[in-house]
Amino acid sequence: MCCSALPEDLVTAQRAWERTYRSLADPANRQRTTALRRRLLELSVKVWWHPYWQQAGAGQRGALRSSERELEPGTR
């Protein structure tokens, strides 16, 4: 069964993941890499094990990432 709408908490976690990933790649944040890596791991677990994936159809993980890219233009 495929779900048409992504849960808001899942989208929010994916947005936070993208922001944290970009922060980790920023050389200005060298002093914060441990905290950023821990945050990235925490968010990865939230996104990967979200209950939505139990009912979502194939391809929905890609839809989450592409919807994130559409919501934050110019970040890549």
N, C-alpha and C. Protein backbone atom coordinates (compact mmCIF):
# COMPACT_ATOMS: atom_id res chain seq x y z
N MET A 1 0.84 -1.17 0.00
CA MET A 1 0.00 0.00 0.00
C MET A 1 0.89 1.23 0.00
N CYS A 2 0.58 2.18 -0.82
CA CYS A 2 1.38 3.40 -0.95
C CYS A 2 0.66 4.56 -0.29
N CYS A 3 1.39 5.35 0.44
CA CYS A 3 0.81 6.50 1.12
C CYS A 3 1.13 7.75 0.32
N SER A 4 0.15 8.61 0.14
CA SER A 4 0.37 9.78 -0.71
C SER A 4 1.02 10.93 0.05
N ALA A 5 0.68 11.11 1.30
CA ALA A 5 1.22 12.24 2.05
C ALA A 5 2.27 11.77 3.05
N LEU A 6 3.38 12.45 3.06
CA LEU A 6 4.44 12.13 4.02
C LEU A 6 4.09 12.76 5.36
N PRO A 7 4.31 12.05 6.46
CA PRO A 7 4.03 12.61 7.79
C PRO A 7 4.92 13.83 8.06
N GLU A 8 4.35 14.81 8.70
CA GLU A 8 5.07 16.06 8.97
C GLU A 8 6.31 15.84 9.83
N ASP A 9 6.23 14.96 10.83
CA ASP A 9 7.40 14.73 11.68
C ASP A 9 8.54 14.06 10.90
N LEU A 10 8.19 13.25 9.92
CA LEU A 10 9.21 12.63 9.08
C LEU A 10 9.87 13.67 8.17
N VAL A 11 9.08 14.53 7.60
CA VAL A 11 9.61 15.60 6.74
C VAL A 11 10.49 16.54 7.57
N THR A 12 10.05 16.86 8.77
CA THR A 12 10.82 17.73 9.65
C THR A 12 12.17 17.10 10.01
N ALA A 13 12.16 15.81 10.31
CA ALA A 13 13.41 15.11 10.62
C ALA A 13 14.34 15.08 9.42
N GLN A 14 13.79 14.89 8.22
CA GLN A 14 14.62 14.88 7.02
C GLN A 14 15.22 16.26 6.76
N ARG A 15 14.44 17.31 6.98
CA ARG A 15 14.98 18.67 6.83
C ARG A 15 16.13 18.91 7.79
N ALA A 16 15.93 18.50 9.04
CA ALA A 16 16.98 18.67 10.05
C ALA A 16 18.22 17.86 9.67
N TRP A 17 18.01 16.67 9.11
CA TRP A 17 19.12 15.84 8.66
C TRP A 17 19.93 16.56 7.58
N GLU A 18 19.24 17.13 6.61
CA GLU A 18 19.91 17.85 5.51
C GLU A 18 20.69 19.05 6.05
N ARG A 19 20.09 19.82 6.96
CA ARG A 19 20.78 20.98 7.54
C ARG A 19 22.01 20.54 8.32
N THR A 20 21.87 19.48 9.11
CA THR A 20 22.99 18.99 9.91
C THR A 20 24.11 18.48 9.01
N TYR A 21 23.75 17.79 7.95
CA TYR A 21 24.75 17.28 7.00
C TYR A 21 25.53 18.43 6.37
N ARG A 22 24.82 19.47 5.96
CA ARG A 22 25.50 20.64 5.38
C ARG A 22 26.39 21.32 6.42
N SER A 23 25.94 21.39 7.65
CA SER A 23 26.76 21.99 8.71
C SER A 23 28.03 21.19 8.95
N LEU A 24 27.90 19.88 8.89
CA LEU A 24 29.06 19.02 9.09
C LEU A 24 30.08 19.21 7.97
N ALA A 25 29.62 19.49 6.80
CA ALA A 25 30.52 19.69 5.65
C ALA A 25 31.15 21.08 5.64
N ASP A 26 30.63 21.99 6.44
CA ASP A 26 31.13 23.36 6.47
C ASP A 26 32.42 23.43 7.30
N PRO A 27 33.52 23.88 6.70
CA PRO A 27 34.78 23.96 7.45
C PRO A 27 34.72 24.88 8.67
N ALA A 28 33.79 25.80 8.69
CA ALA A 28 33.66 26.70 9.84
C ALA A 28 33.20 25.96 11.10
N ASN A 29 32.68 24.76 10.94
CA ASN A 29 32.17 24.00 12.08
C ASN A 29 33.13 22.90 12.53
N ARG A 30 34.40 23.05 12.29
CA ARG A 30 35.38 22.01 12.66
C ARG A 30 35.37 21.68 14.15
N GLN A 31 35.10 22.66 14.97
CA GLN A 31 35.11 22.44 16.41
C GLN A 31 33.87 21.69 16.90
N ARG A 32 32.86 21.56 16.04
CA ARG A 32 31.59 20.95 16.44
C ARG A 32 31.35 19.61 15.76
N THR A 33 32.34 19.00 15.15
CA THR A 33 32.09 17.80 14.35
C THR A 33 31.51 16.65 15.17
N THR A 34 31.97 16.46 16.39
CA THR A 34 31.46 15.36 17.21
C THR A 34 29.97 15.54 17.48
N ALA A 35 29.58 16.73 17.88
CA ALA A 35 28.17 17.00 18.16
C ALA A 35 27.32 16.88 16.90
N LEU A 36 27.85 17.36 15.79
CA LEU A 36 27.10 17.27 14.54
C LEU A 36 26.97 15.82 14.07
N ARG A 37 28.00 15.03 14.23
CA ARG A 37 27.92 13.62 13.85
C ARG A 37 26.92 12.87 14.71
N ARG A 38 26.90 13.18 16.00
CA ARG A 38 25.92 12.55 16.89
C ARG A 38 24.50 12.94 16.50
N ARG A 39 24.32 14.22 16.18
CA ARG A 39 23.00 14.69 15.75
C ARG A 39 22.59 14.02 14.44
N LEU A 40 23.51 13.90 13.52
CA LEU A 40 23.23 13.26 12.23
C LEU A 40 22.82 11.79 12.44
N LEU A 41 23.50 11.12 13.33
CA LEU A 41 23.16 9.73 13.62
C LEU A 41 21.76 9.63 14.24
N GLU A 42 21.48 10.50 15.18
CA GLU A 42 20.16 10.52 15.82
C GLU A 42 19.05 10.75 14.79
N LEU A 43 19.27 11.70 13.91
CA LEU A 43 18.27 12.00 12.88
C LEU A 43 18.15 10.86 11.87
N SER A 44 19.26 10.22 11.56
CA SER A 44 19.23 9.09 10.64
C SER A 44 18.35 7.97 11.18
N VAL A 45 18.46 7.71 12.47
CA VAL A 45 17.64 6.68 13.11
C VAL A 45 16.17 7.08 13.05
N LYS A 46 15.87 8.34 13.34
CA LYS A 46 14.47 8.81 13.28
C LYS A 46 13.88 8.64 11.90
N VAL A 47 14.64 9.01 10.89
CA VAL A 47 14.13 8.93 9.52
C VAL A 47 14.03 7.47 9.07
N TRP A 48 15.07 6.69 9.29
CA TRP A 48 15.11 5.32 8.78
C TRP A 48 14.05 4.43 9.46
N TRP A 49 13.85 4.56 10.75
CA TRP A 49 12.95 3.67 11.48
C TRP A 49 11.59 4.28 11.76
N HIS A 50 11.23 5.33 11.07
CA HIS A 50 9.92 5.95 11.26
C HIS A 50 8.82 4.94 10.92
N PRO A 51 7.74 4.89 11.70
CA PRO A 51 6.67 3.93 11.45
C PRO A 51 6.02 4.05 10.07
N TYR A 52 6.14 5.18 9.45
CA TYR A 52 5.57 5.38 8.12
C TYR A 52 6.08 4.36 7.12
N TRP A 53 7.34 3.97 7.25
CA TRP A 53 7.94 3.07 6.27
C TRP A 53 7.33 1.68 6.30
N GLN A 54 6.65 1.30 7.38
CA GLN A 54 6.00 0.00 7.44
C GLN A 54 4.85 -0.11 6.46
N GLN A 55 4.21 1.02 6.14
CA GLN A 55 3.08 0.99 5.23
C GLN A 55 3.36 1.64 3.88
N ALA A 56 4.48 2.29 3.76
CA ALA A 56 4.81 3.00 2.52
C ALA A 56 5.23 2.02 1.42
N GLY A 57 4.96 2.41 0.21
CA GLY A 57 5.36 1.59 -0.93
C GLY A 57 6.80 1.87 -1.33
N ALA A 58 7.28 1.06 -2.25
CA ALA A 58 8.64 1.24 -2.75
C ALA A 58 8.77 2.61 -3.41
N GLY A 59 9.89 3.22 -3.23
CA GLY A 59 10.14 4.52 -3.84
C GLY A 59 9.78 5.70 -2.97
N GLN A 60 9.17 5.46 -1.84
CA GLN A 60 8.76 6.57 -0.99
C GLN A 60 9.96 7.23 -0.30
N ARG A 61 11.00 6.48 -0.02
CA ARG A 61 12.20 7.10 0.58
C ARG A 61 12.79 8.13 -0.38
N GLY A 62 12.80 7.79 -1.65
CA GLY A 62 13.26 8.75 -2.66
C GLY A 62 12.36 9.95 -2.75
N ALA A 63 11.07 9.73 -2.58
CA ALA A 63 10.11 10.83 -2.62
C ALA A 63 10.35 11.79 -1.45
N LEU A 64 10.72 11.25 -0.30
CA LEU A 64 11.02 12.09 0.85
C LEU A 64 12.21 12.99 0.56
N ARG A 65 13.27 12.43 0.01
CA ARG A 65 14.46 13.22 -0.29
C ARG A 65 14.20 14.24 -1.38
N SER A 66 13.45 13.85 -2.40
CA SER A 66 13.18 14.81 -3.48
C SER A 66 12.24 15.90 -3.01
N SER A 67 11.30 15.59 -2.13
CA SER A 67 10.41 16.63 -1.60
C SER A 67 11.20 17.62 -0.76
N GLU A 68 12.20 17.12 -0.05
CA GLU A 68 13.08 17.99 0.76
C GLU A 68 13.85 18.94 -0.16
N ARG A 69 14.33 18.45 -1.26
CA ARG A 69 15.08 19.29 -2.18
C ARG A 69 14.18 20.36 -2.78
N GLU A 70 12.94 20.04 -3.04
CA GLU A 70 11.99 21.01 -3.59
C GLU A 70 11.66 22.10 -2.56
N LEU A 71 11.63 21.73 -1.28
CA LEU A 71 11.26 22.69 -0.23
C LEU A 71 12.40 23.66 0.07
N GLU A 72 13.64 23.25 -0.14
CA GLU A 72 14.79 24.10 0.14
C GLU A 72 15.62 24.29 -1.12
N PRO A 73 15.12 25.12 -2.04
CA PRO A 73 15.87 25.33 -3.29
C PRO A 73 17.19 26.06 -3.05
N GLY A 74 18.15 25.75 -3.90
CA GLY A 74 19.44 26.44 -3.82
C GLY A 74 20.36 25.93 -2.75
N THR A 75 20.03 24.78 -2.12
CA THR A 75 20.89 24.25 -1.08
C THR A 75 21.93 23.31 -1.62
N ARG A 76 21.87 22.94 -2.86
CA ARG A 76 22.84 22.02 -3.46
C ARG A 76 23.56 22.70 -4.57
